[in-house]
Each structure stands twice: as structure tokens, then as C-alpha cells.
Amino acid sequence: MNYLTFWKKFLLKCFIISFLFLTFTFIIWIKFKAEAFGFAHQTMGIDQETYNRLVFEFFANSKYIMYYVFLVPSLALHWMSKCQKQEWKKNINLDE
């Protein structure tokens, strides 16, 4: 397996794992958001508006990391490997 295929598969699996983690985190947060706010209010003394802003920023930043660090490079590598395979096939057909 060449390096291009390895990194493509690696980044795609990182994207899938991060997507599952983000989905799981969101489901847990929806289920226990009142308890999570109570804990944050007791430990850090923040109000509801600040808590909601922090949670929104967490999910937004996680989404950016998931898409732009894992998915976009994985798709770019997939595109590059596909073009490289087509170029190899084209060169092989020209040699014959």
C-alpha cells in the first residue's frame, strides 16, 4: 500500500471516529443539559447564556476540526489517487 492510500484511509477513519464522537457527545448533552448546566453553574459560576455560548462554540469548533482537518484532506487524497490511477492506466495503454 502506498503512502497516498494509507493517509487517505487514515484521515477517512479519523473523520468517521470524530463524527461518531461528536454525535455521541451531542446526544449525551441533549439528555443531560440541565444537569450539565447545574454543574457548570456550581463549579464556574456562569449563567445560562454563557453556558449556551460555550456549548455552541465547542460543537462549532469540533465540526470545523472534523471537516477541515480530517474530511477535506481525505477527499483531496482520494481525488489525487484516483487521478494518479487514471494517469497510470493511460500511460500503460499508450505503451501498448
PDB file of N, CA and C in Angstrom:
ATOM      1  N   MET A   1       0.856  -1.176   0.000  1.00  0.00           N
ATOM      2  CA  MET A   1       0.000   0.000   0.000  1.00  0.00           C
ATOM      3  C   MET A   1       0.901   1.238   0.000  1.00  0.00           C
ATOM      4  N   ASN A   2       0.646   2.141  -0.916  1.00  0.00           N
ATOM      5  CA  ASN A   2       1.471   3.340  -0.977  1.00  0.00           C
ATOM      6  C   ASN A   2       1.026   4.363   0.070  1.00  0.00           C
ATOM      7  N   TYR A   3       1.827   5.397   0.216  1.00  0.00           N
ATOM      8  CA  TYR A   3       1.576   6.386   1.260  1.00  0.00           C
ATOM      9  C   TYR A   3       0.291   7.168   1.021  1.00  0.00           C
ATOM     10  N   LEU A   4      -0.028   7.429  -0.220  1.00  0.00           N
ATOM     11  CA  LEU A   4      -1.240   8.181  -0.544  1.00  0.00           C
ATOM     12  C   LEU A   4      -2.488   7.434  -0.079  1.00  0.00           C
ATOM     13  N   THR A   5      -2.531   6.146  -0.343  1.00  0.00           N
ATOM     14  CA  THR A   5      -3.672   5.331   0.080  1.00  0.00           C
ATOM     15  C   THR A   5      -3.726   5.214   1.595  1.00  0.00           C
ATOM     16  N   PHE A   6      -2.555   5.065   2.215  1.00  0.00           N
ATOM     17  CA  PHE A   6      -2.522   4.969   3.677  1.00  0.00           C
ATOM     18  C   PHE A   6      -3.095   6.225   4.321  1.00  0.00           C
ATOM     19  N   TRP A   7      -2.629   7.401   3.900  1.00  0.00           N
ATOM     20  CA  TRP A   7      -3.110   8.645   4.515  1.00  0.00           C
ATOM     21  C   TRP A   7      -4.577   8.899   4.198  1.00  0.00           C
ATOM     22  N   LYS A   8      -4.997   8.507   3.003  1.00  0.00           N
ATOM     23  CA  LYS A   8      -6.408   8.672   2.653  1.00  0.00           C
ATOM     24  C   LYS A   8      -7.292   7.855   3.586  1.00  0.00           C
ATOM     25  N   LYS A   9      -6.929   6.587   3.786  1.00  0.00           N
ATOM     26  CA  LYS A   9      -7.718   5.727   4.670  1.00  0.00           C
ATOM     27  C   LYS A   9      -7.624   6.174   6.118  1.00  0.00           C
ATOM     28  N   PHE A  10      -6.448   6.614   6.535  1.00  0.00           N
ATOM     29  CA  PHE A  10      -6.253   7.083   7.900  1.00  0.00           C
ATOM     30  C   PHE A  10      -7.128   8.301   8.200  1.00  0.00           C
ATOM     31  N   LEU A  11      -7.113   9.295   7.319  1.00  0.00           N
ATOM     32  CA  LEU A  11      -7.896  10.505   7.542  1.00  0.00           C
ATOM     33  C   LEU A  11      -9.392  10.230   7.460  1.00  0.00           C
ATOM     34  N   LEU A  12      -9.796   9.337   6.577  1.00  0.00           N
ATOM     35  CA  LEU A  12     -11.208   8.999   6.484  1.00  0.00           C
ATOM     36  C   LEU A  12     -11.681   8.300   7.757  1.00  0.00           C
ATOM     37  N   LYS A  13     -10.870   7.416   8.303  1.00  0.00           N
ATOM     38  CA  LYS A  13     -11.237   6.750   9.560  1.00  0.00           C
ATOM     39  C   LYS A  13     -11.237   7.729  10.723  1.00  0.00           C
ATOM     40  N   CYS A  14     -10.330   8.702  10.723  1.00  0.00           N
ATOM     41  CA  CYS A  14     -10.342   9.748  11.747  1.00  0.00           C
ATOM     42  C   CYS A  14     -11.629  10.563  11.665  1.00  0.00           C
ATOM     43  N   PHE A  15     -12.070  10.860  10.444  1.00  0.00           N
ATOM     44  CA  PHE A  15     -13.319  11.598  10.269  1.00  0.00           C
ATOM     45  C   PHE A  15     -14.502  10.798  10.814  1.00  0.00           C
ATOM     46  N   ILE A  16     -14.558   9.520  10.505  1.00  0.00           N
ATOM     47  CA  ILE A  16     -15.674   8.682  10.971  1.00  0.00           C
ATOM     48  C   ILE A  16     -15.682   8.608  12.493  1.00  0.00           C
ATOM     49  N   ILE A  17     -14.526   8.407  13.095  1.00  0.00           N
ATOM     50  CA  ILE A  17     -14.447   8.340  14.556  1.00  0.00           C
ATOM     51  C   ILE A  17     -14.841   9.670  15.179  1.00  0.00           C
ATOM     52  N   SER A  18     -14.364  10.781  14.628  1.00  0.00           N
ATOM     53  CA  SER A  18     -14.720  12.084  15.197  1.00  0.00           C
ATOM     54  C   SER A  18     -16.197  12.393  15.004  1.00  0.00           C
ATOM     55  N   PHE A  19     -16.773  11.966  13.872  1.00  0.00           N
ATOM     56  CA  PHE A  19     -18.206  12.166  13.664  1.00  0.00           C
ATOM     57  C   PHE A  19     -19.018  11.378  14.693  1.00  0.00           C
ATOM     58  N   LEU A  20     -18.637  10.123  14.928  1.00  0.00           N
ATOM     59  CA  LEU A  20     -19.343   9.313  15.933  1.00  0.00           C
ATOM     60  C   LEU A  20     -19.188   9.910  17.334  1.00  0.00           C
ATOM     61  N   PHE A  21     -17.989  10.387  17.658  1.00  0.00           N
ATOM     62  CA  PHE A  21     -17.754  11.010  18.955  1.00  0.00           C
ATOM     63  C   PHE A  21     -18.595  12.272  19.117  1.00  0.00           C
ATOM     64  N   LEU A  22     -18.639  13.104  18.083  1.00  0.00           N
ATOM     65  CA  LEU A  22     -19.419  14.336  18.156  1.00  0.00           C
ATOM     66  C   LEU A  22     -20.911  14.036  18.275  1.00  0.00           C
ATOM     67  N   THR A  23     -21.396  13.043  17.551  1.00  0.00           N
ATOM     68  CA  THR A  23     -22.802  12.651  17.644  1.00  0.00           C
ATOM     69  C   THR A  23     -23.126  12.117  19.039  1.00  0.00           C
ATOM     70  N   PHE A  24     -22.261  11.272  19.567  1.00  0.00           N
ATOM     71  CA  PHE A  24     -22.451  10.734  20.913  1.00  0.00           C
ATOM     72  C   PHE A  24     -22.444  11.857  21.953  1.00  0.00           C
ATOM     73  N   THR A  25     -21.502  12.787  21.828  1.00  0.00           N
ATOM     74  CA  THR A  25     -21.423  13.916  22.762  1.00  0.00           C
ATOM     75  C   THR A  25     -22.684  14.770  22.695  1.00  0.00           C
ATOM     76  N   PHE A  26     -23.190  15.018  21.494  1.00  0.00           N
ATOM     77  CA  PHE A  26     -24.401  15.821  21.345  1.00  0.00           C
ATOM     78  C   PHE A  26     -25.608  15.128  21.970  1.00  0.00           C
ATOM     79  N   ILE A  27     -25.739  13.831  21.769  1.00  0.00           N
ATOM     80  CA  ILE A  27     -26.864  13.085  22.348  1.00  0.00           C
ATOM     81  C   ILE A  27     -26.795  13.115  23.865  1.00  0.00           C
ATOM     82  N   ILE A  28     -25.612  12.909  24.415  1.00  0.00           N
ATOM     83  CA  ILE A  28     -25.449  12.962  25.876  1.00  0.00           C
ATOM     84  C   ILE A  28     -25.756  14.357  26.393  1.00  0.00           C
ATOM     85  N   TRP A  29     -25.310  15.393  25.672  1.00  0.00           N
ATOM     86  CA  TRP A  29     -25.578  16.760  26.118  1.00  0.00           C
ATOM     87  C   TRP A  29     -27.074  17.065  26.088  1.00  0.00           C
ATOM     88  N   ILE A  30     -27.779  16.634  25.054  1.00  0.00           N
ATOM     89  CA  ILE A  30     -29.226  16.861  24.972  1.00  0.00           C
ATOM     90  C   ILE A  30     -29.935  16.175  26.136  1.00  0.00           C
ATOM     91  N   LYS A  31     -29.505  14.962  26.446  1.00  0.00           N
ATOM     92  CA  LYS A  31     -30.161  14.200  27.511  1.00  0.00           C
ATOM     93  C   LYS A  31     -29.910  14.800  28.892  1.00  0.00           C
ATOM     94  N   PHE A  32     -28.713  15.333  29.117  1.00  0.00           N
ATOM     95  CA  PHE A  32     -28.344  15.816  30.453  1.00  0.00           C
ATOM     96  C   PHE A  32     -27.980  17.297  30.476  1.00  0.00           C
ATOM     97  N   LYS A  33     -28.599  18.124  29.632  1.00  0.00           N
ATOM     98  CA  LYS A  33     -28.186  19.522  29.578  1.00  0.00           C
ATOM     99  C   LYS A  33     -28.543  20.301  30.838  1.00  0.00           C
ATOM    100  N   ALA A  34     -29.628  19.968  31.501  1.00  0.00           N
ATOM    101  CA  ALA A  34     -29.969  20.668  32.742  1.00  0.00           C
ATOM    102  C   ALA A  34     -28.960  20.336  33.844  1.00  0.00           C
ATOM    103  N   GLU A  35     -28.584  19.071  33.944  1.00  0.00           N
ATOM    104  CA  GLU A  35     -27.586  18.667  34.939  1.00  0.00           C
ATOM    105  C   GLU A  35     -26.221  19.256  34.620  1.00  0.00           C
ATOM    106  N   ALA A  36     -25.879  19.297  33.326  1.00  0.00           N
ATOM    107  CA  ALA A  36     -24.583  19.857  32.936  1.00  0.00           C
ATOM    108  C   ALA A  36     -24.524  21.348  33.239  1.00  0.00           C
ATOM    109  N   PHE A  37     -25.636  22.067  33.013  1.00  0.00           N
ATOM    110  CA  PHE A  37     -25.647  23.489  33.352  1.00  0.00           C
ATOM    111  C   PHE A  37     -25.547  23.685  34.856  1.00  0.00           C
ATOM    112  N   GLY A  38     -26.248  22.855  35.628  1.00  0.00           N
ATOM    113  CA  GLY A  38     -26.159  22.961  37.090  1.00  0.00           C
ATOM    114  C   GLY A  38     -24.736  22.748  37.580  1.00  0.00           C
ATOM    115  N   PHE A  39     -24.051  21.771  37.015  1.00  0.00           N
ATOM    116  CA  PHE A  39     -22.664  21.507  37.391  1.00  0.00           C
ATOM    117  C   PHE A  39     -21.763  22.681  37.007  1.00  0.00           C
ATOM    118  N   ALA A  40     -21.942  23.206  35.785  1.00  0.00           N
ATOM    119  CA  ALA A  40     -21.130  24.341  35.335  1.00  0.00           C
ATOM    120  C   ALA A  40     -21.416  25.585  36.156  1.00  0.00           C
ATOM    121  N   HIS A  41     -22.674  25.775  36.542  1.00  0.00           N
ATOM    122  CA  HIS A  41     -23.042  26.937  37.342  1.00  0.00           C
ATOM    123  C   HIS A  41     -22.430  26.847  38.741  1.00  0.00           C
ATOM    124  N   GLN A  42     -22.446  25.658  39.327  1.00  0.00           N
ATOM    125  CA  GLN A  42     -21.867  25.490  40.660  1.00  0.00           C
ATOM    126  C   GLN A  42     -20.350  25.598  40.655  1.00  0.00           C
ATOM    127  N   THR A  43     -19.705  25.002  39.675  1.00  0.00           N
ATOM    128  CA  THR A  43     -18.244  24.972  39.692  1.00  0.00           C
ATOM    129  C   THR A  43     -17.607  26.250  39.157  1.00  0.00           C
ATOM    130  N   MET A  44     -18.210  26.840  38.106  1.00  0.00           N
ATOM    131  CA  MET A  44     -17.594  28.017  37.485  1.00  0.00           C
ATOM    132  C   MET A  44     -18.392  29.291  37.695  1.00  0.00           C
ATOM    133  N   GLY A  45     -19.626  29.181  38.162  1.00  0.00           N
ATOM    134  CA  GLY A  45     -20.447  30.357  38.414  1.00  0.00           C
ATOM    135  C   GLY A  45     -20.866  31.099  37.159  1.00  0.00           C
ATOM    136  N   ILE A  46     -21.157  30.370  36.087  1.00  0.00           N
ATOM    137  CA  ILE A  46     -21.564  31.025  34.844  1.00  0.00           C
ATOM    138  C   ILE A  46     -23.087  30.991  34.709  1.00  0.00           C
ATOM    139  N   ASP A  47     -23.612  31.944  33.951  1.00  0.00           N
ATOM    140  CA  ASP A  47     -25.059  31.991  33.743  1.00  0.00           C
ATOM    141  C   ASP A  47     -25.439  31.157  32.520  1.00  0.00           C
ATOM    142  N   GLN A  48     -26.742  31.060  32.268  1.00  0.00           N
ATOM    143  CA  GLN A  48     -27.263  30.211  31.193  1.00  0.00           C
ATOM    144  C   GLN A  48     -26.785  30.668  29.815  1.00  0.00           C
ATOM    145  N   GLU A  49     -26.760  31.971  29.604  1.00  0.00           N
ATOM    146  CA  GLU A  49     -26.345  32.488  28.300  1.00  0.00           C
ATOM    147  C   GLU A  49     -24.888  32.152  28.001  1.00  0.00           C
ATOM    148  N   THR A  50     -24.022  32.315  28.975  1.00  0.00           N
ATOM    149  CA  THR A  50     -22.615  31.992  28.797  1.00  0.00           C
ATOM    150  C   THR A  50     -22.421  30.495  28.577  1.00  0.00           C
ATOM    151  N   TYR A  51     -23.159  29.701  29.324  1.00  0.00           N
ATOM    152  CA  TYR A  51     -23.076  28.246  29.172  1.00  0.00           C
ATOM    153  C   TYR A  51     -23.488  27.822  27.765  1.00  0.00           C
ATOM    154  N   ASN A  52     -24.597  28.374  27.281  1.00  0.00           N
ATOM    155  CA  ASN A  52     -25.057  28.032  25.928  1.00  0.00           C
ATOM    156  C   ASN A  52     -24.038  28.455  24.872  1.00  0.00           C
ATOM    157  N   ARG A  53     -23.413  29.615  25.063  1.00  0.00           N
ATOM    158  CA  ARG A  53     -22.399  30.088  24.123  1.00  0.00           C
ATOM    159  C   ARG A  53     -21.187  29.152  24.116  1.00  0.00           C
ATOM    160  N   LEU A  54     -20.763  28.709  25.297  1.00  0.00           N
ATOM    161  CA  LEU A  54     -19.628  27.783  25.385  1.00  0.00           C
ATOM    162  C   LEU A  54     -19.931  26.442  24.718  1.00  0.00           C
ATOM    163  N   VAL A  55     -21.136  25.936  24.930  1.00  0.00           N
ATOM    164  CA  VAL A  55     -21.515  24.660  24.304  1.00  0.00           C
ATOM    165  C   VAL A  55     -21.583  24.812  22.788  1.00  0.00           C
ATOM    166  N   PHE A  56     -22.161  25.917  22.330  1.00  0.00           N
ATOM    167  CA  PHE A  56     -22.239  26.158  20.889  1.00  0.00           C
ATOM    168  C   PHE A  56     -20.846  26.265  20.288  1.00  0.00           C
ATOM    169  N   GLU A  57     -19.940  26.973  20.955  1.00  0.00           N
ATOM    170  CA  GLU A  57     -18.569  27.098  20.451  1.00  0.00           C
ATOM    171  C   GLU A  57     -17.867  25.745  20.414  1.00  0.00           C
ATOM    172  N   PHE A  58     -18.101  24.896  21.413  1.00  0.00           N
ATOM    173  CA  PHE A  58     -17.498  23.569  21.416  1.00  0.00           C
ATOM    174  C   PHE A  58     -17.947  22.762  20.200  1.00  0.00           C
ATOM    175  N   PHE A  59     -19.250  22.723  19.941  1.00  0.00           N
ATOM    176  CA  PHE A  59     -19.746  21.946  18.808  1.00  0.00           C
ATOM    177  C   PHE A  59     -19.321  22.557  17.474  1.00  0.00           C
ATOM    178  N   ALA A  60     -19.289  23.881  17.393  1.00  0.00           N
ATOM    179  CA  ALA A  60     -18.862  24.528  16.148  1.00  0.00           C
ATOM    180  C   ALA A  60     -17.386  24.258  15.876  1.00  0.00           C
ATOM    181  N   ASN A  61     -16.545  24.398  16.879  1.00  0.00           N
ATOM    182  CA  ASN A  61     -15.113  24.136  16.693  1.00  0.00           C
ATOM    183  C   ASN A  61     -14.852  22.668  16.389  1.00  0.00           C
ATOM    184  N   SER A  62     -15.591  21.779  17.029  1.00  0.00           N
ATOM    185  CA  SER A  62     -15.431  20.348  16.750  1.00  0.00           C
ATOM    186  C   SER A  62     -15.811  20.034  15.311  1.00  0.00           C
ATOM    187  N   LYS A  63     -16.861  20.677  14.846  1.00  0.00           N
ATOM    188  CA  LYS A  63     -17.294  20.461  13.463  1.00  0.00           C
ATOM    189  C   LYS A  63     -16.234  20.966  12.489  1.00  0.00           C
ATOM    190  N   TYR A  64     -15.659  22.132  12.749  1.00  0.00           N
ATOM    191  CA  TYR A  64     -14.611  22.659  11.873  1.00  0.00           C
ATOM    192  C   TYR A  64     -13.408  21.726  11.832  1.00  0.00           C
ATOM    193  N   ILE A  65     -12.993  21.244  12.980  1.00  0.00           N
ATOM    194  CA  ILE A  65     -11.855  20.327  13.023  1.00  0.00           C
ATOM    195  C   ILE A  65     -12.183  19.050  12.266  1.00  0.00           C
ATOM    196  N   MET A  66     -13.393  18.533  12.501  1.00  0.00           N
ATOM    197  CA  MET A  66     -13.780  17.280  11.864  1.00  0.00           C
ATOM    198  C   MET A  66     -13.779  17.413  10.344  1.00  0.00           C
ATOM    199  N   TYR A  67     -14.337  18.489   9.827  1.00  0.00           N
ATOM    200  CA  TYR A  67     -14.431  18.641   8.377  1.00  0.00           C
ATOM    201  C   TYR A  67     -13.114  19.067   7.745  1.00  0.00           C
ATOM    202  N   TYR A  68     -12.492  20.122   8.284  1.00  0.00           N
ATOM    203  CA  TYR A  68     -11.354  20.720   7.602  1.00  0.00           C
ATOM    204  C   TYR A  68     -10.019  20.080   7.936  1.00  0.00           C
ATOM    205  N   VAL A  69      -9.937  19.317   9.007  1.00  0.00           N
ATOM    206  CA  VAL A  69      -8.685  18.639   9.329  1.00  0.00           C
ATOM    207  C   VAL A  69      -8.709  17.192   8.852  1.00  0.00           C
ATOM    208  N   PHE A  70      -9.877  16.553   8.883  1.00  0.00           N
ATOM    209  CA  PHE A  70      -9.951  15.137   8.520  1.00  0.00           C
ATOM    210  C   PHE A  70     -10.608  14.894   7.163  1.00  0.00           C
ATOM    211  N   LEU A  71     -11.794  15.442   6.939  1.00  0.00           N
ATOM    212  CA  LEU A  71     -12.549  15.097   5.728  1.00  0.00           C
ATOM    213  C   LEU A  71     -11.971  15.730   4.467  1.00  0.00           C
ATOM    214  N   VAL A  72     -11.675  17.009   4.507  1.00  0.00           N
ATOM    215  CA  VAL A  72     -11.186  17.688   3.301  1.00  0.00           C
ATOM    216  C   VAL A  72      -9.854  17.095   2.809  1.00  0.00           C
ATOM    217  N   PRO A  73      -8.854  16.887   3.692  1.00  0.00           N
ATOM    218  CA  PRO A  73      -7.634  16.236   3.191  1.00  0.00           C
ATOM    219  C   PRO A  73      -7.874  14.809   2.693  1.00  0.00           C
ATOM    220  N   SER A  74      -8.779  14.097   3.338  1.00  0.00           N
ATOM    221  CA  SER A  74      -9.081  12.744   2.894  1.00  0.00           C
ATOM    222  C   SER A  74      -9.692  12.754   1.494  1.00  0.00           C
ATOM    223  N   LEU A  75     -10.615  13.651   1.247  1.00  0.00           N
ATOM    224  CA  LEU A  75     -11.210  13.747  -0.089  1.00  0.00           C
ATOM    225  C   LEU A  75     -10.186  14.209  -1.127  1.00  0.00           C
ATOM    226  N   ALA A  76      -9.303  15.122  -0.733  1.00  0.00           N
ATOM    227  CA  ALA A  76      -8.268  15.573  -1.659  1.00  0.00           C
ATOM    228  C   ALA A  76      -7.320  14.427  -2.010  1.00  0.00           C
ATOM    229  N   LEU A  77      -6.935  13.643  -1.022  1.00  0.00           N
ATOM    230  CA  LEU A  77      -6.068  12.493  -1.294  1.00  0.00           C
ATOM    231  C   LEU A  77      -6.770  11.444  -2.148  1.00  0.00           C
ATOM    232  N   HIS A  78      -8.066  11.266  -1.903  1.00  0.00           N
ATOM    233  CA  HIS A  78      -8.834  10.327  -2.724  1.00  0.00           C
ATOM    234  C   HIS A  78      -8.856  10.796  -4.177  1.00  0.00           C
ATOM    235  N   TRP A  79      -9.081  12.066  -4.370  1.00  0.00           N
ATOM    236  CA  TRP A  79      -9.115  12.646  -5.701  1.00  0.00           C
ATOM    237  C   TRP A  79      -7.751  12.505  -6.377  1.00  0.00           C
ATOM    238  N   MET A  80      -6.677  12.780  -5.625  1.00  0.00           N
ATOM    239  CA  MET A  80      -5.330  12.655  -6.186  1.00  0.00           C
ATOM    240  C   MET A  80      -5.008  11.216  -6.572  1.00  0.00           C
ATOM    241  N   SER A  81      -5.377  10.265  -5.707  1.00  0.00           N
ATOM    242  CA  SER A  81      -5.072   8.865  -6.019  1.00  0.00           C
ATOM    243  C   SER A  81      -5.879   8.378  -7.217  1.00  0.00           C
ATOM    244  N   LYS A  82      -7.118   8.855  -7.331  1.00  0.00           N
ATOM    245  CA  LYS A  82      -7.943   8.473  -8.477  1.00  0.00           C
ATOM    246  C   LYS A  82      -7.344   9.035  -9.773  1.00  0.00           C
ATOM    247  N   CYS A  83      -6.897  10.275  -9.748  1.00  0.00           N
ATOM    248  CA  CYS A  83      -6.272  10.868 -10.927  1.00  0.00           C
ATOM    249  C   CYS A  83      -4.964  10.155 -11.265  1.00  0.00           C
ATOM    250  N   GLN A  84      -4.219   9.782 -10.233  1.00  0.00           N
ATOM    251  CA  GLN A  84      -2.958   9.085 -10.455  1.00  0.00           C
ATOM    252  C   GLN A  84      -3.194   7.715 -11.092  1.00  0.00           C
ATOM    253  N   LYS A  85      -4.222   6.993 -10.644  1.00  0.00           N
ATOM    254  CA  LYS A  85      -4.543   5.687 -11.232  1.00  0.00           C
ATOM    255  C   LYS A  85      -4.960   5.837 -12.691  1.00  0.00           C
ATOM    256  N   GLN A  86      -5.757   6.863 -12.990  1.00  0.00           N
ATOM    257  CA  GLN A  86      -6.172   7.082 -14.373  1.00  0.00           C
ATOM    258  C   GLN A  86      -4.974   7.427 -15.254  1.00  0.00           C
ATOM    259  N   GLU A  87      -4.041   8.196 -14.701  1.00  0.00           N
ATOM    260  CA  GLU A  87      -2.853   8.550 -15.455  1.00  0.00           C
ATOM    261  C   GLU A  87      -1.999   7.319 -15.723  1.00  0.00           C
ATOM    262  N   TRP A  88      -1.870   6.435 -14.750  1.00  0.00           N
ATOM    263  CA  TRP A  88      -1.113   5.204 -14.937  1.00  0.00           C
ATOM    264  C   TRP A  88      -1.760   4.327 -16.003  1.00  0.00           C
ATOM    265  N   LYS A  89      -3.089   4.196 -15.957  1.00  0.00           N
ATOM    266  CA  LYS A  89      -3.779   3.396 -16.961  1.00  0.00           C
ATOM    267  C   LYS A  89      -3.592   3.999 -18.347  1.00  0.00           C
ATOM    268  N   LYS A  90      -3.627   5.314 -18.419  1.00  0.00           N
ATOM    269  CA  LYS A  90      -3.444   5.998 -19.704  1.00  0.00           C
ATOM    270  C   LYS A  90      -2.041   5.753 -20.244  1.00  0.00           C
ATOM    271  N   ASN A  91      -1.044   5.814 -19.379  1.00  0.00           N
ATOM    272  CA  ASN A  91       0.330   5.549 -19.802  1.00  0.00           C
ATOM    273  C   ASN A  91       0.532   4.109 -20.223  1.00  0.00           C
ATOM    274  N   ILE A  92      -0.104   3.176 -19.535  1.00  0.00           N
ATOM    275  CA  ILE A  92       0.005   1.765 -19.899  1.00  0.00           C
ATOM    276  C   ILE A  92      -0.616   1.519 -21.267  1.00  0.00           C
ATOM    277  N   ASN A  93      -1.767   2.117 -21.531  1.00  0.00           N
ATOM    278  CA  ASN A  93      -2.426   1.953 -22.826  1.00  0.00           C
ATOM    279  C   ASN A  93      -1.613   2.603 -23.953  1.00  0.00           C
ATOM    280  N   LEU A  94      -0.905   3.672 -23.672  1.00  0.00           N
ATOM    281  CA  LEU A  94      -0.078   4.314 -24.691  1.00  0.00           C
ATOM    282  C   LEU A  94       1.139   3.472 -25.047  1.00  0.00           C
ATOM    283  N   ASP A  95       1.656   2.720 -24.063  1.00  0.00           N
ATOM    284  CA  ASP A  95       2.825   1.901 -24.290  1.00  0.00           C
ATOM    285  C   ASP A  95       2.515   0.696 -25.162  1.00  0.00           C
ATOM    286  N   GLU A  96       1.309   0.244 -25.164  1.00  0.00           N
ATOM    287  CA  GLU A  96       0.937  -0.963 -25.915  1.00  0.00           C
ATOM    288  C   GLU A  96       0.789  -0.711 -27.344  1.00  0.00           C
TER     289      GLU A  96
END
